[in-house]
Amino acid sequence: MLLFEGSPFYIGMAVILLSMLILKVARKKRYPFLLFYFVFCVYVLHVLKYTLFPIPVDPRVIAIHAGPTIDFSKGINLIPFSDSSMRNGFDREMLLNVLLTIPFGFGIPFLTRIRLKKLVLVGLTVGVTIELLQLFLSLMLGFPYRYVDINDVIHNFTGVLFGFLLFKIFTWLFTVSVERVKLPPNALLAYMHEVCSRSGTNTRKENADSSSIDC
């Protein structure tokens, strides 16, 4: 088995550090941004760990499961809310799929300006990308190693939206705290305040646009 803790982890970390160097030298990004970028990228690495790894690499193990008569359709579900777990309510796997992407929805505003409409597209893309990677892995191995489920896309999308909602709550709490408490000058806090202020501005613009449409 190819474990995440081996070469995939070190390669991933090398790519992250190299991209941080490029962002610092070529794009002149500030250190607080790079800190949030590093944390977010490490989170993405762990998403890959829990959704793709371990990967079987022993030909003998693969040969046991693979074959010309393998039916890949048994490892794919494209009908939303079709399985028994969805009909019977929230189970552990559903909860984990939601929790998996909450940090994504919470962390992405610290790296880029994003509005709710764009976040909806990004949230769907996250879930679809994870399932496509699992499908690609199964096709490469020659048997359904990971179950591809449209319900997982829905759960991941829900997690992204919930994470963004938590970010909005954090924005309000952080802004109120900064206004009431005199904090010493700090580059990290200044960057967080900038992100929160930017988010508040985007929210007001969206509300203004909605009012204009209604009129």
C-alpha atoms as a PDB file:
ATOM      1  CA  MET A   1       0.000   0.000   0.000  1.00  0.00           C
ATOM      2  CA  LEU A   2       1.145   3.502  -0.832  1.00  0.00           C
ATOM      3  CA  LEU A   3       0.641   5.469   2.366  1.00  0.00           C
ATOM      4  CA  PHE A   4       0.160   9.211   2.489  1.00  0.00           C
ATOM      5  CA  GLU A   5       2.750   9.560   5.261  1.00  0.00           C
ATOM      6  CA  GLY A   6       5.501   8.496   2.870  1.00  0.00           C
ATOM      7  CA  SER A   7       6.623  10.148  -0.341  1.00  0.00           C
ATOM      8  CA  PRO A   8       3.209  11.746  -1.170  1.00  0.00           C
ATOM      9  CA  PHE A   9       3.382  13.857   2.003  1.00  0.00           C
ATOM     10  CA  TYR A  10       6.944  15.033   1.394  1.00  0.00           C
ATOM     11  CA  ILE A  11       6.252  15.798  -2.265  1.00  0.00           C
ATOM     12  CA  GLY A  12       3.136  17.743  -1.279  1.00  0.00           C
ATOM     13  CA  MET A  13       5.021  19.732   1.351  1.00  0.00           C
ATOM     14  CA  ALA A  14       7.806  20.489  -1.128  1.00  0.00           C
ATOM     15  CA  VAL A  15       5.251  21.821  -3.631  1.00  0.00           C
ATOM     16  CA  ILE A  16       3.642  23.983  -0.933  1.00  0.00           C
ATOM     17  CA  LEU A  17       6.948  25.478   0.209  1.00  0.00           C
ATOM     18  CA  LEU A  18       8.061  26.100  -3.371  1.00  0.00           C
ATOM     19  CA  SER A  19       4.781  27.849  -4.196  1.00  0.00           C
ATOM     20  CA  MET A  20       5.136  29.983  -1.049  1.00  0.00           C
ATOM     21  CA  LEU A  21       8.607  31.046  -2.178  1.00  0.00           C
ATOM     22  CA  ILE A  22       7.232  31.999  -5.597  1.00  0.00           C
ATOM     23  CA  LEU A  23       4.366  33.947  -4.024  1.00  0.00           C
ATOM     24  CA  LYS A  24       6.782  35.828  -1.790  1.00  0.00           C
ATOM     25  CA  VAL A  25       9.396  36.642  -4.430  1.00  0.00           C
ATOM     26  CA  ALA A  26       7.294  37.096  -7.557  1.00  0.00           C
ATOM     27  CA  ARG A  27       3.962  38.270  -6.120  1.00  0.00           C
ATOM     28  CA  LYS A  28       5.319  40.104  -3.059  1.00  0.00           C
ATOM     29  CA  LYS A  29       2.779  38.451  -0.761  1.00  0.00           C
ATOM     30  CA  ARG A  30       2.916  39.395   2.921  1.00  0.00           C
ATOM     31  CA  TYR A  31       3.859  36.924   5.639  1.00  0.00           C
ATOM     32  CA  PRO A  32       0.375  36.773   7.231  1.00  0.00           C
ATOM     33  CA  PHE A  33      -1.066  35.756   3.846  1.00  0.00           C
ATOM     34  CA  LEU A  34       1.633  33.107   3.468  1.00  0.00           C
ATOM     35  CA  LEU A  35       0.791  31.756   6.918  1.00  0.00           C
ATOM     36  CA  PHE A  36      -2.874  31.297   6.011  1.00  0.00           C
ATOM     37  CA  TYR A  37      -1.836  29.914   2.618  1.00  0.00           C
ATOM     38  CA  PHE A  38       0.412  27.318   4.274  1.00  0.00           C
ATOM     39  CA  VAL A  39      -2.292  26.197   6.722  1.00  0.00           C
ATOM     40  CA  PHE A  40      -4.882  25.983   3.939  1.00  0.00           C
ATOM     41  CA  CYS A  41      -2.588  23.936   1.678  1.00  0.00           C
ATOM     42  CA  VAL A  42      -1.727  21.512   4.490  1.00  0.00           C
ATOM     43  CA  TYR A  43      -5.471  21.105   5.048  1.00  0.00           C
ATOM     44  CA  VAL A  44      -5.934  20.299   1.337  1.00  0.00           C
ATOM     45  CA  LEU A  45      -3.167  17.700   1.599  1.00  0.00           C
ATOM     46  CA  HIS A  46      -5.038  16.004   4.416  1.00  0.00           C
ATOM     47  CA  VAL A  47      -8.260  16.069   2.399  1.00  0.00           C
ATOM     48  CA  LEU A  48      -6.394  14.089  -0.256  1.00  0.00           C
ATOM     49  CA  LYS A  49      -5.103  11.774   2.449  1.00  0.00           C
ATOM     50  CA  TYR A  50      -8.567  10.881   3.738  1.00  0.00           C
ATOM     51  CA  THR A  51     -10.243  10.653   0.323  1.00  0.00           C
ATOM     52  CA  LEU A  52      -7.599   8.847  -1.775  1.00  0.00           C
ATOM     53  CA  PHE A  53      -5.119   7.060   0.470  1.00  0.00           C
ATOM     54  CA  PRO A  54      -3.904   4.417   1.056  1.00  0.00           C
ATOM     55  CA  ILE A  55      -3.508   3.344  -2.568  1.00  0.00           C
ATOM     56  CA  PRO A  56      -2.794  -0.317  -3.407  1.00  0.00           C
ATOM     57  CA  VAL A  57       0.347  -0.688  -5.521  1.00  0.00           C
ATOM     58  CA  ASP A  58       1.047  -4.422  -5.197  1.00  0.00           C
ATOM     59  CA  PRO A  59       0.206  -6.025  -8.586  1.00  0.00           C
ATOM     60  CA  ARG A  60      -0.906  -9.215  -6.852  1.00  0.00           C
ATOM     61  CA  VAL A  61      -3.430  -7.360  -4.701  1.00  0.00           C
ATOM     62  CA  ILE A  62      -4.701  -5.403  -7.694  1.00  0.00           C
ATOM     63  CA  ALA A  63      -5.012  -8.574  -9.780  1.00  0.00           C
ATOM     64  CA  ILE A  64      -7.271 -10.142  -7.143  1.00  0.00           C
ATOM     65  CA  HIS A  65      -9.826  -7.334  -7.449  1.00  0.00           C
ATOM     66  CA  ALA A  66      -9.399  -6.259 -11.073  1.00  0.00           C
ATOM     67  CA  GLY A  67     -10.552  -8.096 -14.162  1.00  0.00           C
ATOM     68  CA  PRO A  68     -12.378  -7.743 -17.484  1.00  0.00           C
ATOM     69  CA  THR A  69     -15.719  -8.579 -15.877  1.00  0.00           C
ATOM     70  CA  ILE A  70     -15.556  -5.830 -13.234  1.00  0.00           C
ATOM     71  CA  ASP A  71     -18.739  -3.740 -13.225  1.00  0.00           C
ATOM     72  CA  PHE A  72     -17.771  -0.160 -12.389  1.00  0.00           C
ATOM     73  CA  SER A  73     -21.405   0.903 -12.228  1.00  0.00           C
ATOM     74  CA  LYS A  74     -21.686  -0.849  -8.851  1.00  0.00           C
ATOM     75  CA  GLY A  75     -19.171   1.636  -7.474  1.00  0.00           C
ATOM     76  CA  ILE A  76     -20.984   4.724  -8.742  1.00  0.00           C
ATOM     77  CA  ASN A  77     -24.177   6.392  -7.558  1.00  0.00           C
ATOM     78  CA  LEU A  78     -25.478   9.356  -9.556  1.00  0.00           C
ATOM     79  CA  ILE A  79     -28.960   9.530  -8.007  1.00  0.00           C
ATOM     80  CA  PRO A  80     -29.188  12.051  -5.124  1.00  0.00           C
ATOM     81  CA  PHE A  81     -30.706  10.852  -1.842  1.00  0.00           C
ATOM     82  CA  SER A  82     -31.143   7.368  -3.271  1.00  0.00           C
ATOM     83  CA  ASP A  83     -29.339   5.128  -0.797  1.00  0.00           C
ATOM     84  CA  SER A  84     -30.742   3.911   2.500  1.00  0.00           C
ATOM     85  CA  SER A  85     -28.421   6.046   4.632  1.00  0.00           C
ATOM     86  CA  MET A  86     -29.811   9.226   3.069  1.00  0.00           C
ATOM     87  CA  ARG A  87     -33.381   8.071   3.537  1.00  0.00           C
ATOM     88  CA  ASN A  88     -32.807   7.104   7.153  1.00  0.00           C
ATOM     89  CA  GLY A  89     -31.264  10.445   8.128  1.00  0.00           C
ATOM     90  CA  PHE A  90     -27.807  11.734   8.981  1.00  0.00           C
ATOM     91  CA  ASP A  91     -25.238   9.004   9.658  1.00  0.00           C
ATOM     92  CA  ARG A  92     -21.558   9.092  10.612  1.00  0.00           C
ATOM     93  CA  GLU A  93     -20.231   9.060   7.037  1.00  0.00           C
ATOM     94  CA  MET A  94     -22.492  11.933   6.023  1.00  0.00           C
ATOM     95  CA  LEU A  95     -21.329  13.950   9.024  1.00  0.00           C
ATOM     96  CA  LEU A  96     -17.668  13.307   8.196  1.00  0.00           C
ATOM     97  CA  ASN A  97     -18.188  14.408   4.588  1.00  0.00           C
ATOM     98  CA  VAL A  98     -19.705  17.672   5.805  1.00  0.00           C
ATOM     99  CA  LEU A  99     -16.971  18.231   8.395  1.00  0.00           C
ATOM    100  CA  LEU A 100     -14.310  17.500   5.761  1.00  0.00           C
ATOM    101  CA  THR A 101     -14.994  20.684   3.801  1.00  0.00           C
ATOM    102  CA  ILE A 102     -15.993  23.111   6.563  1.00  0.00           C
ATOM    103  CA  PRO A 103     -12.357  24.347   6.834  1.00  0.00           C
ATOM    104  CA  PHE A 104     -12.403  25.041   3.091  1.00  0.00           C
ATOM    105  CA  GLY A 105     -15.381  27.376   3.327  1.00  0.00           C
ATOM    106  CA  PHE A 106     -13.901  29.050   6.403  1.00  0.00           C
ATOM    107  CA  GLY A 107     -10.354  29.410   5.081  1.00  0.00           C
ATOM    108  CA  ILE A 108     -10.757  30.424   1.442  1.00  0.00           C
ATOM    109  CA  PRO A 109     -11.793  34.048   2.249  1.00  0.00           C
ATOM    110  CA  PHE A 110      -8.405  34.554   3.936  1.00  0.00           C
ATOM    111  CA  LEU A 111      -6.710  33.884   0.586  1.00  0.00           C
ATOM    112  CA  THR A 112      -8.954  35.579  -1.961  1.00  0.00           C
ATOM    113  CA  ARG A 113     -11.937  37.861  -2.295  1.00  0.00           C
ATOM    114  CA  ILE A 114     -14.989  35.659  -2.666  1.00  0.00           C
ATOM    115  CA  ARG A 115     -18.708  36.329  -2.691  1.00  0.00           C
ATOM    116  CA  LEU A 116     -21.492  33.907  -1.934  1.00  0.00           C
ATOM    117  CA  LYS A 117     -22.386  33.387  -5.600  1.00  0.00           C
ATOM    118  CA  LYS A 118     -18.804  32.449  -6.451  1.00  0.00           C
ATOM    119  CA  LEU A 119     -18.567  30.303  -3.322  1.00  0.00           C
ATOM    120  CA  VAL A 120     -21.526  28.213  -4.502  1.00  0.00           C
ATOM    121  CA  LEU A 121     -19.628  27.367  -7.690  1.00  0.00           C
ATOM    122  CA  VAL A 122     -16.415  26.709  -5.762  1.00  0.00           C
ATOM    123  CA  GLY A 123     -18.250  24.497  -3.254  1.00  0.00           C
ATOM    124  CA  LEU A 124     -19.720  22.349  -6.010  1.00  0.00           C
ATOM    125  CA  THR A 125     -16.325  22.169  -7.702  1.00  0.00           C
ATOM    126  CA  VAL A 126     -14.690  20.888  -4.514  1.00  0.00           C
ATOM    127  CA  GLY A 127     -17.130  17.995  -4.127  1.00  0.00           C
ATOM    128  CA  VAL A 128     -17.079  17.085  -7.828  1.00  0.00           C
ATOM    129  CA  THR A 129     -13.265  17.197  -7.925  1.00  0.00           C
ATOM    130  CA  ILE A 130     -12.948  14.798  -4.984  1.00  0.00           C
ATOM    131  CA  GLU A 131     -15.345  12.302  -6.581  1.00  0.00           C
ATOM    132  CA  LEU A 132     -13.621  12.582  -9.989  1.00  0.00           C
ATOM    133  CA  LEU A 133     -10.242  11.894  -8.379  1.00  0.00           C
ATOM    134  CA  GLN A 134     -11.699   8.825  -6.695  1.00  0.00           C
ATOM    135  CA  LEU A 135     -13.181   7.672 -10.014  1.00  0.00           C
ATOM    136  CA  PHE A 136      -9.865   8.246 -11.789  1.00  0.00           C
ATOM    137  CA  LEU A 137      -8.063   6.247  -9.107  1.00  0.00           C
ATOM    138  CA  SER A 138     -10.515   3.366  -9.488  1.00  0.00           C
ATOM    139  CA  LEU A 139     -10.113   3.394 -13.288  1.00  0.00           C
ATOM    140  CA  MET A 140      -6.325   3.383 -12.946  1.00  0.00           C
ATOM    141  CA  LEU A 141      -6.484   0.390 -10.590  1.00  0.00           C
ATOM    142  CA  GLY A 142      -9.018  -1.446 -12.725  1.00  0.00           C
ATOM    143  CA  PHE A 143     -11.665  -1.915 -10.037  1.00  0.00           C
ATOM    144  CA  PRO A 144     -13.942   0.303  -7.916  1.00  0.00           C
ATOM    145  CA  TYR A 145     -11.521   1.053  -5.092  1.00  0.00           C
ATOM    146  CA  ARG A 146     -13.423   4.155  -3.968  1.00  0.00           C
ATOM    147  CA  TYR A 147     -17.206   4.528  -4.099  1.00  0.00           C
ATOM    148  CA  VAL A 148     -18.209   7.542  -6.211  1.00  0.00           C
ATOM    149  CA  ASP A 149     -21.407   9.048  -4.821  1.00  0.00           C
ATOM    150  CA  ILE A 150     -23.329  12.184  -5.795  1.00  0.00           C
ATOM    151  CA  ASN A 151     -24.476  12.376  -2.173  1.00  0.00           C
ATOM    152  CA  ASP A 152     -20.865  12.983  -1.147  1.00  0.00           C
ATOM    153  CA  VAL A 153     -20.808  15.995  -3.480  1.00  0.00           C
ATOM    154  CA  ILE A 154     -23.924  17.326  -1.736  1.00  0.00           C
ATOM    155  CA  HIS A 155     -22.396  16.773   1.710  1.00  0.00           C
ATOM    156  CA  ASN A 156     -19.073  18.403   0.717  1.00  0.00           C
ATOM    157  CA  PHE A 157     -20.961  21.346  -0.782  1.00  0.00           C
ATOM    158  CA  THR A 158     -22.949  21.706   2.440  1.00  0.00           C
ATOM    159  CA  GLY A 159     -19.712  21.722   4.428  1.00  0.00           C
ATOM    160  CA  VAL A 160     -18.228  24.516   2.307  1.00  0.00           C
ATOM    161  CA  LEU A 161     -21.336  26.674   2.773  1.00  0.00           C
ATOM    162  CA  PHE A 162     -21.421  25.995   6.506  1.00  0.00           C
ATOM    163  CA  GLY A 163     -17.732  26.887   6.777  1.00  0.00           C
ATOM    164  CA  PHE A 164     -18.388  30.175   4.984  1.00  0.00           C
ATOM    165  CA  LEU A 165     -21.245  30.875   7.397  1.00  0.00           C
ATOM    166  CA  LEU A 166     -18.856  30.289  10.311  1.00  0.00           C
ATOM    167  CA  PHE A 167     -16.407  32.699   8.664  1.00  0.00           C
ATOM    168  CA  LYS A 168     -19.141  35.361   8.499  1.00  0.00           C
ATOM    169  CA  ILE A 169     -19.888  34.845  12.192  1.00  0.00           C
ATOM    170  CA  PHE A 170     -16.166  35.019  12.983  1.00  0.00           C
ATOM    171  CA  THR A 171     -15.910  38.227  10.921  1.00  0.00           C
ATOM    172  CA  TRP A 172     -18.602  39.905  12.986  1.00  0.00           C
ATOM    173  CA  LEU A 173     -17.149  38.742  16.312  1.00  0.00           C
ATOM    174  CA  PHE A 174     -13.603  39.717  15.348  1.00  0.00           C
ATOM    175  CA  THR A 175     -14.638  43.162  14.092  1.00  0.00           C
ATOM    176  CA  VAL A 176     -16.631  43.893  17.250  1.00  0.00           C
ATOM    177  CA  SER A 177     -13.746  42.722  19.435  1.00  0.00           C
ATOM    178  CA  VAL A 178     -11.208  44.899  17.599  1.00  0.00           C
ATOM    179  CA  GLU A 179     -13.452  47.947  17.942  1.00  0.00           C
ATOM    180  CA  ARG A 180     -13.916  47.415  21.689  1.00  0.00           C
ATOM    181  CA  VAL A 181     -10.433  46.260  22.673  1.00  0.00           C
ATOM    182  CA  LYS A 182      -7.298  48.260  22.000  1.00  0.00           C
ATOM    183  CA  LEU A 183      -4.932  45.682  20.545  1.00  0.00           C
ATOM    184  CA  PRO A 184      -1.197  46.310  20.069  1.00  0.00           C
ATOM    185  CA  PRO A 185       0.041  46.680  16.468  1.00  0.00           C
ATOM    186  CA  ASN A 186       0.418  43.244  14.935  1.00  0.00           C
ATOM    187  CA  ALA A 187       0.845  42.239  11.282  1.00  0.00           C
ATOM    188  CA  LEU A 188      -1.254  39.097  11.671  1.00  0.00           C
ATOM    189  CA  LEU A 189      -4.144  40.877  13.398  1.00  0.00           C
ATOM    190  CA  ALA A 190      -3.935  43.702  10.863  1.00  0.00           C
ATOM    191  CA  TYR A 191      -4.254  41.207   8.004  1.00  0.00           C
ATOM    192  CA  MET A 192      -7.182  39.455   9.683  1.00  0.00           C
ATOM    193  CA  HIS A 193      -8.883  42.808  10.216  1.00  0.00           C
ATOM    194  CA  GLU A 194      -8.332  43.645   6.547  1.00  0.00           C
ATOM    195  CA  VAL A 195      -9.908  40.338   5.476  1.00  0.00           C
ATOM    196  CA  CYS A 196     -12.890  40.813   7.811  1.00  0.00           C
ATOM    197  CA  SER A 197     -13.413  44.401   6.650  1.00  0.00           C
ATOM    198  CA  ARG A 198     -13.222  43.288   3.033  1.00  0.00           C
ATOM    199  CA  SER A 199     -15.806  40.593   3.695  1.00  0.00           C
ATOM    200  CA  GLY A 200     -18.136  43.117   5.308  1.00  0.00           C
ATOM    201  CA  THR A 201     -17.780  45.389   2.280  1.00  0.00           C
ATOM    202  CA  ASN A 202     -18.639  42.530  -0.074  1.00  0.00           C
ATOM    203  CA  THR A 203     -21.736  41.721   1.974  1.00  0.00           C
ATOM    204  CA  ARG A 204     -22.956  45.300   1.840  1.00  0.00           C
ATOM    205  CA  LYS A 205     -22.389  45.396  -1.922  1.00  0.00           C
ATOM    206  CA  GLU A 206     -24.381  42.188  -2.393  1.00  0.00           C
ATOM    207  CA  ASN A 207     -27.235  43.594  -0.322  1.00  0.00           C
ATOM    208  CA  ALA A 208     -27.175  46.810  -2.364  1.00  0.00           C
ATOM    209  CA  ASP A 209     -27.233  44.852  -5.609  1.00  0.00           C
ATOM    210  CA  SER A 210     -30.195  42.814  -4.370  1.00  0.00           C
ATOM    211  CA  SER A 211     -32.071  45.988  -3.448  1.00  0.00           C
ATOM    212  CA  SER A 212     -31.422  47.453  -6.877  1.00  0.00           C
ATOM    213  CA  ILE A 213     -32.772  44.345  -8.571  1.00  0.00           C
ATOM    214  CA  ASP A 214     -35.889  44.398  -6.416  1.00  0.00           C
ATOM    215  CA  CYS A 215     -36.585  47.998  -7.415  1.00  0.00           C
END
